[in-house]
Amino acid sequence: KKTAADWRPEVHDSDGLAIWTGAGERIWRPLNNPPRTMASAFSDNNPRGFGLLQRGRDF
């Protein structure tokens, strides 16, 4: 079966995790695809915000 050309540079939407701590610090952790399962934990008092972000916007 013939497949269509994909115009997107990446298929996923998110490039990393952004965290805005209660102390006002901004943390960026890029998403990756390691060869084995990994977990990360972040602890903060009263975080101001967090979310997955897409950085690249050139299509």
N, C-alpha and C. Protein backbone atom coordinates (compact mmCIF):
# COMPACT_ATOMS: atom_id res chain seq x y z
N LYS A 1 0.84 -1.18 0.00
CA LYS A 1 0.00 0.00 0.00
C LYS A 1 0.89 1.25 0.00
N LYS A 2 0.59 2.20 -0.83
CA LYS A 2 1.36 3.43 -0.92
C LYS A 2 0.94 4.38 0.21
N THR A 3 1.92 4.99 0.88
CA THR A 3 1.61 5.92 1.97
C THR A 3 1.77 7.35 1.49
N ALA A 4 1.01 8.25 2.09
CA ALA A 4 1.07 9.67 1.74
C ALA A 4 2.30 10.31 2.38
N ALA A 5 2.83 11.33 1.73
CA ALA A 5 3.96 12.08 2.29
C ALA A 5 3.49 12.84 3.52
N ASP A 6 4.28 12.82 4.56
CA ASP A 6 3.93 13.52 5.80
C ASP A 6 4.66 14.85 5.83
N TRP A 7 3.92 15.94 5.85
CA TRP A 7 4.49 17.29 5.81
C TRP A 7 4.95 17.77 7.17
N ARG A 8 4.60 17.03 8.23
CA ARG A 8 4.98 17.46 9.58
C ARG A 8 6.42 17.08 9.90
N PRO A 9 7.20 17.99 10.52
CA PRO A 9 8.56 17.64 10.91
C PRO A 9 8.58 16.63 12.06
N GLU A 10 7.53 16.62 12.89
CA GLU A 10 7.41 15.69 14.01
C GLU A 10 5.95 15.29 14.12
N VAL A 11 5.71 14.06 14.53
CA VAL A 11 4.34 13.60 14.65
C VAL A 11 3.76 13.91 16.03
N HIS A 12 4.61 13.92 17.04
CA HIS A 12 4.12 14.20 18.39
C HIS A 12 3.88 15.70 18.59
N ASP A 13 3.11 16.04 19.62
CA ASP A 13 2.79 17.43 19.89
C ASP A 13 3.72 18.08 20.89
N SER A 14 4.24 17.34 21.84
CA SER A 14 4.99 17.93 22.95
C SER A 14 6.48 17.69 22.81
N ASP A 15 7.26 18.71 23.16
CA ASP A 15 8.72 18.61 23.15
C ASP A 15 9.31 18.54 24.55
N GLY A 16 8.58 19.01 25.55
CA GLY A 16 9.12 18.98 26.90
C GLY A 16 8.13 19.40 27.96
N LEU A 17 8.57 19.26 29.19
CA LEU A 17 7.78 19.63 30.36
C LEU A 17 8.30 20.95 30.90
N ALA A 18 7.43 21.92 31.04
CA ALA A 18 7.78 23.21 31.63
C ALA A 18 7.14 23.29 33.01
N ILE A 19 7.95 23.74 33.99
CA ILE A 19 7.47 23.88 35.36
C ILE A 19 7.82 25.28 35.84
N TRP A 20 6.86 25.95 36.47
CA TRP A 20 7.08 27.25 37.10
C TRP A 20 6.89 27.01 38.60
N THR A 21 7.98 27.04 39.36
CA THR A 21 7.93 26.67 40.77
C THR A 21 7.33 27.78 41.63
N GLY A 22 7.01 27.43 42.85
CA GLY A 22 6.49 28.40 43.80
C GLY A 22 7.48 29.50 44.12
N ALA A 23 8.79 29.22 43.95
CA ALA A 23 9.83 30.22 44.19
C ALA A 23 10.08 31.09 42.97
N GLY A 24 9.36 30.84 41.87
CA GLY A 24 9.51 31.64 40.66
C GLY A 24 10.51 31.09 39.67
N GLU A 25 11.13 29.95 39.96
CA GLU A 25 12.10 29.33 39.05
C GLU A 25 11.35 28.64 37.92
N ARG A 26 11.90 28.74 36.71
CA ARG A 26 11.32 28.05 35.55
C ARG A 26 12.23 26.88 35.18
N ILE A 27 11.65 25.70 35.08
CA ILE A 27 12.40 24.47 34.78
C ILE A 27 11.88 23.92 33.47
N TRP A 28 12.81 23.49 32.60
CA TRP A 28 12.46 22.86 31.32
C TRP A 28 13.13 21.49 31.28
N ARG A 29 12.34 20.46 31.02
CA ARG A 29 12.85 19.10 30.86
C ARG A 29 12.38 18.57 29.51
N PRO A 30 13.31 18.36 28.57
CA PRO A 30 12.89 17.84 27.26
C PRO A 30 12.39 16.40 27.37
N LEU A 31 11.42 16.07 26.54
CA LEU A 31 10.94 14.69 26.46
C LEU A 31 11.90 13.91 25.59
N ASN A 32 12.14 12.66 25.94
CA ASN A 32 13.00 11.82 25.12
C ASN A 32 12.41 10.42 25.06
N ASN A 33 13.03 9.57 24.30
CA ASN A 33 12.56 8.20 24.16
C ASN A 33 13.71 7.26 24.52
N PRO A 34 13.92 7.03 25.83
CA PRO A 34 15.04 6.20 26.26
C PRO A 34 14.82 4.73 25.90
N PRO A 35 15.90 3.95 25.87
CA PRO A 35 15.78 2.53 25.53
C PRO A 35 15.05 1.72 26.60
N ARG A 36 14.97 2.24 27.82
CA ARG A 36 14.26 1.54 28.89
C ARG A 36 13.33 2.52 29.60
N THR A 37 12.38 2.01 30.35
CA THR A 37 11.43 2.85 31.06
C THR A 37 12.14 3.65 32.14
N MET A 38 11.84 4.94 32.20
CA MET A 38 12.42 5.82 33.21
C MET A 38 11.31 6.67 33.82
N ALA A 39 11.53 7.14 35.03
CA ALA A 39 10.57 8.03 35.70
C ALA A 39 11.33 9.17 36.35
N SER A 40 10.71 10.34 36.37
CA SER A 40 11.27 11.51 37.04
C SER A 40 10.23 12.04 38.01
N ALA A 41 10.69 12.59 39.12
CA ALA A 41 9.78 13.16 40.11
C ALA A 41 10.22 14.58 40.44
N PHE A 42 9.26 15.47 40.61
CA PHE A 42 9.54 16.86 40.96
C PHE A 42 8.70 17.21 42.18
N SER A 43 9.33 17.83 43.16
CA SER A 43 8.63 18.22 44.37
C SER A 43 8.73 19.73 44.52
N ASP A 44 7.60 20.37 44.87
CA ASP A 44 7.60 21.82 45.03
C ASP A 44 6.45 22.22 45.94
N ASN A 45 6.65 23.27 46.69
CA ASN A 45 5.57 23.84 47.50
C ASN A 45 4.87 24.91 46.68
N ASN A 46 3.58 24.75 46.49
CA ASN A 46 2.76 25.74 45.79
C ASN A 46 3.26 26.06 44.37
N PRO A 47 3.36 25.06 43.48
CA PRO A 47 3.80 25.35 42.11
C PRO A 47 2.84 26.32 41.42
N ARG A 48 3.41 27.24 40.64
CA ARG A 48 2.59 28.23 39.94
C ARG A 48 2.00 27.68 38.65
N GLY A 49 2.70 26.74 38.02
CA GLY A 49 2.18 26.16 36.79
C GLY A 49 3.08 25.08 36.24
N PHE A 50 2.52 24.23 35.37
CA PHE A 50 3.29 23.20 34.69
C PHE A 50 2.50 22.73 33.48
N GLY A 51 3.19 22.16 32.51
CA GLY A 51 2.51 21.63 31.35
C GLY A 51 3.48 21.13 30.30
N LEU A 52 2.95 20.36 29.36
CA LEU A 52 3.73 19.90 28.22
C LEU A 52 3.64 20.95 27.13
N LEU A 53 4.78 21.29 26.52
CA LEU A 53 4.82 22.36 25.52
C LEU A 53 5.40 21.89 24.21
N GLN A 54 4.94 22.49 23.14
CA GLN A 54 5.48 22.28 21.80
C GLN A 54 6.31 23.51 21.46
N ARG A 55 7.59 23.32 21.16
CA ARG A 55 8.46 24.46 20.85
C ARG A 55 8.49 24.76 19.36
N GLY A 56 8.71 23.74 18.54
CA GLY A 56 8.82 23.97 17.09
C GLY A 56 7.48 24.30 16.47
N ARG A 57 7.42 25.38 15.70
CA ARG A 57 6.16 25.77 15.07
C ARG A 57 6.31 25.98 13.57
N ASP A 58 7.46 25.64 13.00
CA ASP A 58 7.67 25.79 11.56
C ASP A 58 7.21 24.52 10.85
N PHE A 59 6.22 24.65 9.99
CA PHE A 59 5.71 23.49 9.25
C PHE A 59 5.98 23.66 7.79
